[in-house]
Amino acid sequence: MELIFEIRDAKEGGFYARALGHAIFTEAETWEELRANVLDTVSLHFEVAQTRPRLVQMHYVKDELIPVEAA
């Protein structure tokens, strides 16, 4: 089983992550800290090793609004 986390920039700085299809959320100031928090959170959420995902995908999403000038 693979668990996918959607990663976005936090408004106050850093990142926040949420697992798709599960009520798992975490946040961190740096990418390295976020990786560690994601792994810790997954271990806590799936206490039984047999149900724990074998892979975690961190999908970084960055929204950007670009104004288009009138021609």
PDB file of N, CA and C in Angstrom:
ATOM      1  N   MET A   1       0.842  -1.189   0.000  1.00  0.00           N
ATOM      2  CA  MET A   1       0.000   0.000   0.000  1.00  0.00           C
ATOM      3  C   MET A   1       0.882   1.246   0.000  1.00  0.00           C
ATOM      4  N   GLU A   2       0.459   2.238  -0.751  1.00  0.00           N
ATOM      5  CA  GLU A   2       1.163   3.518  -0.811  1.00  0.00           C
ATOM      6  C   GLU A   2       0.257   4.601  -0.239  1.00  0.00           C
ATOM      7  N   LEU A   3       0.820   5.478   0.560  1.00  0.00           N
ATOM      8  CA  LEU A   3       0.087   6.593   1.150  1.00  0.00           C
ATOM      9  C   LEU A   3       0.617   7.878   0.536  1.00  0.00           C
ATOM     10  N   ILE A   4      -0.287   8.702   0.023  1.00  0.00           N
ATOM     11  CA  ILE A   4       0.112   9.946  -0.639  1.00  0.00           C
ATOM     12  C   ILE A   4      -0.227  11.131   0.257  1.00  0.00           C
ATOM     13  N   PHE A   5       0.766  11.980   0.487  1.00  0.00           N
ATOM     14  CA  PHE A   5       0.577  13.221   1.225  1.00  0.00           C
ATOM     15  C   PHE A   5       0.634  14.380   0.249  1.00  0.00           C
ATOM     16  N   GLU A   6      -0.335  15.280   0.360  1.00  0.00           N
ATOM     17  CA  GLU A   6      -0.323  16.523  -0.396  1.00  0.00           C
ATOM     18  C   GLU A   6       0.379  17.557   0.471  1.00  0.00           C
ATOM     19  N   ILE A   7       1.447  18.135  -0.051  1.00  0.00           N
ATOM     20  CA  ILE A   7       2.246  19.119   0.680  1.00  0.00           C
ATOM     21  C   ILE A   7       1.999  20.496   0.075  1.00  0.00           C
ATOM     22  N   ARG A   8       1.743  21.450   0.937  1.00  0.00           N
ATOM     23  CA  ARG A   8       1.543  22.837   0.492  1.00  0.00           C
ATOM     24  C   ARG A   8       2.332  23.774   1.397  1.00  0.00           C
ATOM     25  N   ASP A   9       2.597  24.966   0.876  1.00  0.00           N
ATOM     26  CA  ASP A   9       3.241  26.004   1.693  1.00  0.00           C
ATOM     27  C   ASP A   9       2.241  26.486   2.739  1.00  0.00           C
ATOM     28  N   ALA A  10       2.700  26.633   3.964  1.00  0.00           N
ATOM     29  CA  ALA A  10       1.864  27.202   5.024  1.00  0.00           C
ATOM     30  C   ALA A  10       1.920  28.720   4.914  1.00  0.00           C
ATOM     31  N   LYS A  11       0.808  29.382   5.167  1.00  0.00           N
ATOM     32  CA  LYS A  11       0.755  30.838   5.049  1.00  0.00           C
ATOM     33  C   LYS A  11       1.730  31.528   5.997  1.00  0.00           C
ATOM     34  N   GLU A  12       1.935  30.931   7.175  1.00  0.00           N
ATOM     35  CA  GLU A  12       2.826  31.527   8.173  1.00  0.00           C
ATOM     36  C   GLU A  12       4.277  31.076   7.992  1.00  0.00           C
ATOM     37  N   GLY A  13       4.560  30.340   6.925  1.00  0.00           N
ATOM     38  CA  GLY A  13       5.905  29.824   6.659  1.00  0.00           C
ATOM     39  C   GLY A  13       5.977  28.334   6.908  1.00  0.00           C
ATOM     40  N   GLY A  14       6.901  27.693   6.268  1.00  0.00           N
ATOM     41  CA  GLY A  14       7.024  26.251   6.400  1.00  0.00           C
ATOM     42  C   GLY A  14       6.049  25.526   5.496  1.00  0.00           C
ATOM     43  N   PHE A  15       5.696  24.299   5.883  1.00  0.00           N
ATOM     44  CA  PHE A  15       4.847  23.443   5.066  1.00  0.00           C
ATOM     45  C   PHE A  15       3.783  22.781   5.929  1.00  0.00           C
ATOM     46  N   TYR A  16       2.691  22.370   5.277  1.00  0.00           N
ATOM     47  CA  TYR A  16       1.753  21.482   5.946  1.00  0.00           C
ATOM     48  C   TYR A  16       1.442  20.334   4.999  1.00  0.00           C
ATOM     49  N   ALA A  17       1.124  19.187   5.587  1.00  0.00           N
ATOM     50  CA  ALA A  17       0.885  17.975   4.811  1.00  0.00           C
ATOM     51  C   ALA A  17      -0.385  17.301   5.276  1.00  0.00           C
ATOM     52  N   ARG A  18      -1.129  16.746   4.320  1.00  0.00           N
ATOM     53  CA  ARG A  18      -2.305  15.958   4.658  1.00  0.00           C
ATOM     54  C   ARG A  18      -2.323  14.717   3.778  1.00  0.00           C
ATOM     55  N   ALA A  19      -2.671  13.604   4.400  1.00  0.00           N
ATOM     56  CA  ALA A  19      -2.745  12.340   3.669  1.00  0.00           C
ATOM     57  C   ALA A  19      -4.065  12.280   2.915  1.00  0.00           C
ATOM     58  N   LEU A  20      -4.008  11.865   1.671  1.00  0.00           N
ATOM     59  CA  LEU A  20      -5.217  11.725   0.876  1.00  0.00           C
ATOM     60  C   LEU A  20      -5.955  10.459   1.311  1.00  0.00           C
ATOM     61  N   GLY A  21      -7.224  10.607   1.672  1.00  0.00           N
ATOM     62  CA  GLY A  21      -8.039   9.468   2.062  1.00  0.00           C
ATOM     63  C   GLY A  21      -7.937   9.062   3.521  1.00  0.00           C
ATOM     64  N   HIS A  22      -7.140   9.787   4.294  1.00  0.00           N
ATOM     65  CA  HIS A  22      -6.977   9.496   5.716  1.00  0.00           C
ATOM     66  C   HIS A  22      -6.951  10.807   6.492  1.00  0.00           C
ATOM     67  N   ALA A  23      -7.340  10.762   7.741  1.00  0.00           N
ATOM     68  CA  ALA A  23      -7.321  11.948   8.599  1.00  0.00           C
ATOM     69  C   ALA A  23      -5.948  12.065   9.263  1.00  0.00           C
ATOM     70  N   ILE A  24      -4.932  12.310   8.440  1.00  0.00           N
ATOM     71  CA  ILE A  24      -3.561  12.436   8.935  1.00  0.00           C
ATOM     72  C   ILE A  24      -3.031  13.786   8.459  1.00  0.00           C
ATOM     73  N   PHE A  25      -2.614  14.619   9.411  1.00  0.00           N
ATOM     74  CA  PHE A  25      -2.106  15.950   9.108  1.00  0.00           C
ATOM     75  C   PHE A  25      -0.840  16.195   9.921  1.00  0.00           C
ATOM     76  N   THR A  26       0.072  16.977   9.368  1.00  0.00           N
ATOM     77  CA  THR A  26       1.257  17.408  10.107  1.00  0.00           C
ATOM     78  C   THR A  26       1.805  18.665   9.451  1.00  0.00           C
ATOM     79  N   GLU A  27       2.748  19.315  10.124  1.00  0.00           N
ATOM     80  CA  GLU A  27       3.366  20.526   9.586  1.00  0.00           C
ATOM     81  C   GLU A  27       4.789  20.629  10.098  1.00  0.00           C
ATOM     82  N   ALA A  28       5.575  21.492   9.447  1.00  0.00           N
ATOM     83  CA  ALA A  28       6.969  21.687   9.849  1.00  0.00           C
ATOM     84  C   ALA A  28       7.513  22.947   9.201  1.00  0.00           C
ATOM     85  N   GLU A  29       8.626  23.429   9.738  1.00  0.00           N
ATOM     86  CA  GLU A  29       9.294  24.618   9.205  1.00  0.00           C
ATOM     87  C   GLU A  29      10.182  24.297   8.002  1.00  0.00           C
ATOM     88  N   THR A  30      10.805  23.116   7.988  1.00  0.00           N
ATOM     89  CA  THR A  30      11.715  22.742   6.897  1.00  0.00           C
ATOM     90  C   THR A  30      11.249  21.446   6.249  1.00  0.00           C
ATOM     91  N   TRP A  31      11.757  21.193   5.049  1.00  0.00           N
ATOM     92  CA  TRP A  31      11.401  19.971   4.324  1.00  0.00           C
ATOM     93  C   TRP A  31      11.895  18.733   5.075  1.00  0.00           C
ATOM     94  N   GLU A  32      13.100  18.791   5.618  1.00  0.00           N
ATOM     95  CA  GLU A  32      13.659  17.658   6.352  1.00  0.00           C
ATOM     96  C   GLU A  32      12.816  17.343   7.597  1.00  0.00           C
ATOM     97  N   GLU A  33      12.413  18.390   8.298  1.00  0.00           N
ATOM     98  CA  GLU A  33      11.561  18.218   9.479  1.00  0.00           C
ATOM     99  C   GLU A  33      10.200  17.655   9.075  1.00  0.00           C
ATOM    100  N   LEU A  34       9.678  18.103   7.934  1.00  0.00           N
ATOM    101  CA  LEU A  34       8.394  17.599   7.452  1.00  0.00           C
ATOM    102  C   LEU A  34       8.482  16.115   7.139  1.00  0.00           C
ATOM    103  N   ARG A  35       9.540  15.696   6.493  1.00  0.00           N
ATOM    104  CA  ARG A  35       9.733  14.266   6.186  1.00  0.00           C
ATOM    105  C   ARG A  35       9.703  13.438   7.466  1.00  0.00           C
ATOM    106  N   ALA A  36      10.418  13.878   8.479  1.00  0.00           N
ATOM    107  CA  ALA A  36      10.455  13.161   9.756  1.00  0.00           C
ATOM    108  C   ALA A  36       9.072  13.148  10.401  1.00  0.00           C
ATOM    109  N   ASN A  37       8.365  14.278  10.366  1.00  0.00           N
ATOM    110  CA  ASN A  37       7.029  14.360  10.957  1.00  0.00           C
ATOM    111  C   ASN A  37       6.035  13.447  10.230  1.00  0.00           C
ATOM    112  N   VAL A  38       6.135  13.395   8.905  1.00  0.00           N
ATOM    113  CA  VAL A  38       5.257  12.523   8.124  1.00  0.00           C
ATOM    114  C   VAL A  38       5.472  11.064   8.532  1.00  0.00           C
ATOM    115  N   LEU A  39       6.725  10.638   8.609  1.00  0.00           N
ATOM    116  CA  LEU A  39       7.007   9.255   8.996  1.00  0.00           C
ATOM    117  C   LEU A  39       6.532   8.959  10.413  1.00  0.00           C
ATOM    118  N   ASP A  40       6.742   9.876  11.342  1.00  0.00           N
ATOM    119  CA  ASP A  40       6.272   9.693  12.718  1.00  0.00           C
ATOM    120  C   ASP A  40       4.749   9.602  12.771  1.00  0.00           C
ATOM    121  N   THR A  41       4.087  10.485  12.033  1.00  0.00           N
ATOM    122  CA  THR A  41       2.628  10.517  12.024  1.00  0.00           C
ATOM    123  C   THR A  41       2.050   9.238  11.429  1.00  0.00           C
ATOM    124  N   VAL A  42       2.656   8.742  10.371  1.00  0.00           N
ATOM    125  CA  VAL A  42       2.198   7.493   9.755  1.00  0.00           C
ATOM    126  C   VAL A  42       2.365   6.332  10.738  1.00  0.00           C
ATOM    127  N   SER A  43       3.488   6.279  11.424  1.00  0.00           N
ATOM    128  CA  SER A  43       3.715   5.217  12.411  1.00  0.00           C
ATOM    129  C   SER A  43       2.692   5.267  13.539  1.00  0.00           C
ATOM    130  N   LEU A  44       2.329   6.470  13.978  1.00  0.00           N
ATOM    131  CA  LEU A  44       1.336   6.614  15.042  1.00  0.00           C
ATOM    132  C   LEU A  44      -0.069   6.243  14.563  1.00  0.00           C
ATOM    133  N   HIS A  45      -0.391   6.639  13.338  1.00  0.00           N
ATOM    134  CA  HIS A  45      -1.733   6.381  12.801  1.00  0.00           C
ATOM    135  C   HIS A  45      -1.945   4.897  12.521  1.00  0.00           C
ATOM    136  N   PHE A  46      -0.926   4.240  11.969  1.00  0.00           N
ATOM    137  CA  PHE A  46      -0.993   2.814  11.661  1.00  0.00           C
ATOM    138  C   PHE A  46      -0.137   2.072  12.681  1.00  0.00           C
ATOM    139  N   GLU A  47      -0.685   1.868  13.874  1.00  0.00           N
ATOM    140  CA  GLU A  47       0.076   1.268  14.970  1.00  0.00           C
ATOM    141  C   GLU A  47       0.484  -0.176  14.671  1.00  0.00           C
ATOM    142  N   VAL A  48      -0.370  -0.905  13.966  1.00  0.00           N
ATOM    143  CA  VAL A  48      -0.072  -2.301  13.634  1.00  0.00           C
ATOM    144  C   VAL A  48       0.780  -2.315  12.362  1.00  0.00           C
ATOM    145  N   ALA A  49       1.953  -2.909  12.451  1.00  0.00           N
ATOM    146  CA  ALA A  49       2.901  -2.892  11.337  1.00  0.00           C
ATOM    147  C   ALA A  49       2.330  -3.508  10.063  1.00  0.00           C
ATOM    148  N   GLN A  50       1.467  -4.501  10.185  1.00  0.00           N
ATOM    149  CA  GLN A  50       0.903  -5.160   9.001  1.00  0.00           C
ATOM    150  C   GLN A  50      -0.023  -4.247   8.209  1.00  0.00           C
ATOM    151  N   THR A  51      -0.597  -3.243   8.851  1.00  0.00           N
ATOM    152  CA  THR A  51      -1.499  -2.331   8.143  1.00  0.00           C
ATOM    153  C   THR A  51      -0.793  -1.067   7.667  1.00  0.00           C
ATOM    154  N   ARG A  52       0.447  -0.878   8.073  1.00  0.00           N
ATOM    155  CA  ARG A  52       1.211   0.327   7.733  1.00  0.00           C
ATOM    156  C   ARG A  52       1.587   0.315   6.245  1.00  0.00           C
ATOM    157  N   PRO A  53       1.469   1.454   5.567  1.00  0.00           N
ATOM    158  CA  PRO A  53       1.873   1.525   4.155  1.00  0.00           C
ATOM    159  C   PRO A  53       3.358   1.231   3.993  1.00  0.00           C
ATOM    160  N   ARG A  54       3.696   0.654   2.851  1.00  0.00           N
ATOM    161  CA  ARG A  54       5.103   0.357   2.570  1.00  0.00           C
ATOM    162  C   ARG A  54       5.820   1.568   1.977  1.00  0.00           C
ATOM    163  N   LEU A  55       5.062   2.438   1.328  1.00  0.00           N
ATOM    164  CA  LEU A  55       5.630   3.639   0.712  1.00  0.00           C
ATOM    165  C   LEU A  55       4.807   4.862   1.074  1.00  0.00           C
ATOM    166  N   VAL A  56       5.503   5.989   1.223  1.00  0.00           N
ATOM    167  CA  VAL A  56       4.844   7.277   1.423  1.00  0.00           C
ATOM    168  C   VAL A  56       5.332   8.202   0.315  1.00  0.00           C
ATOM    169  N   GLN A  57       4.377   8.776  -0.413  1.00  0.00           N
ATOM    170  CA  GLN A  57       4.708   9.735  -1.465  1.00  0.00           C
ATOM    171  C   GLN A  57       4.366  11.127  -0.968  1.00  0.00           C
ATOM    172  N   MET A  58       5.326  12.029  -1.057  1.00  0.00           N
ATOM    173  CA  MET A  58       5.096  13.418  -0.679  1.00  0.00           C
ATOM    174  C   MET A  58       4.966  14.229  -1.963  1.00  0.00           C
ATOM    175  N   HIS A  59       3.753  14.657  -2.237  1.00  0.00           N
ATOM    176  CA  HIS A  59       3.446  15.385  -3.468  1.00  0.00           C
ATOM    177  C   HIS A  59       3.338  16.869  -3.141  1.00  0.00           C
ATOM    178  N   TYR A  60       4.321  17.657  -3.582  1.00  0.00           N
ATOM    179  CA  TYR A  60       4.377  19.088  -3.292  1.00  0.00           C
ATOM    180  C   TYR A  60       3.552  19.857  -4.321  1.00  0.00           C
ATOM    181  N   VAL A  61       2.580  20.621  -3.833  1.00  0.00           N
ATOM    182  CA  VAL A  61       1.701  21.401  -4.692  1.00  0.00           C
ATOM    183  C   VAL A  61       1.947  22.875  -4.415  1.00  0.00           C
ATOM    184  N   LYS A  62       2.221  23.634  -5.456  1.00  0.00           N
ATOM    185  CA  LYS A  62       2.452  25.065  -5.288  1.00  0.00           C
ATOM    186  C   LYS A  62       1.505  25.816  -6.206  1.00  0.00           C
ATOM    187  N   ASP A  63       0.627  26.602  -5.605  1.00  0.00           N
ATOM    188  CA  ASP A  63      -0.305  27.418  -6.375  1.00  0.00           C
ATOM    189  C   ASP A  63       0.345  28.767  -6.674  1.00  0.00           C
ATOM    190  N   GLU A  64       0.134  29.239  -7.884  1.00  0.00           N
ATOM    191  CA  GLU A  64       0.653  30.553  -8.252  1.00  0.00           C
ATOM    192  C   GLU A  64      -0.384  31.249  -9.132  1.00  0.00           C
ATOM    193  N   LEU A  65      -0.708  32.476  -8.781  1.00  0.00           N
ATOM    194  CA  LEU A  65      -1.622  33.273  -9.591  1.00  0.00           C
ATOM    195  C   LEU A  65      -0.799  34.273 -10.393  1.00  0.00           C
ATOM    196  N   ILE A  66      -1.015  34.285 -11.677  1.00  0.00           N
ATOM    197  CA  ILE A  66      -0.282  35.191 -12.572  1.00  0.00           C
ATOM    198  C   ILE A  66      -1.293  36.092 -13.247  1.00  0.00           C
ATOM    199  N   PRO A  67      -1.199  37.405 -13.008  1.00  0.00           N
ATOM    200  CA  PRO A  67      -2.143  38.308 -13.676  1.00  0.00           C
ATOM    201  C   PRO A  67      -1.843  38.378 -15.170  1.00  0.00           C
ATOM    202  N   VAL A  68      -2.897  38.387 -15.950  1.00  0.00           N
ATOM    203  CA  VAL A  68      -2.752  38.496 -17.404  1.00  0.00           C
ATOM    204  C   VAL A  68      -3.204  39.890 -17.798  1.00  0.00           C
ATOM    205  N   GLU A  69      -2.302  40.611 -18.422  1.00  0.00           N
ATOM    206  CA  GLU A  69      -2.627  41.975 -18.848  1.00  0.00           C
ATOM    207  C   GLU A  69      -3.567  41.952 -20.041  1.00  0.00           C
ATOM    208  N   ALA A  70      -4.466  42.915 -20.066  1.00  0.00           N
ATOM    209  CA  ALA A  70      -5.381  43.024 -21.204  1.00  0.00           C
ATOM    210  C   ALA A  70      -4.584  43.417 -22.448  1.00  0.00           C
ATOM    211  N   ALA A  71      -4.907  42.787 -23.538  1.00  0.00           N
ATOM    212  CA  ALA A  71      -4.173  43.038 -24.782  1.00  0.00           C
ATOM    213  C   ALA A  71      -4.621  44.299 -25.466  1.00  0.00           C
TER     214      ALA A  71
END
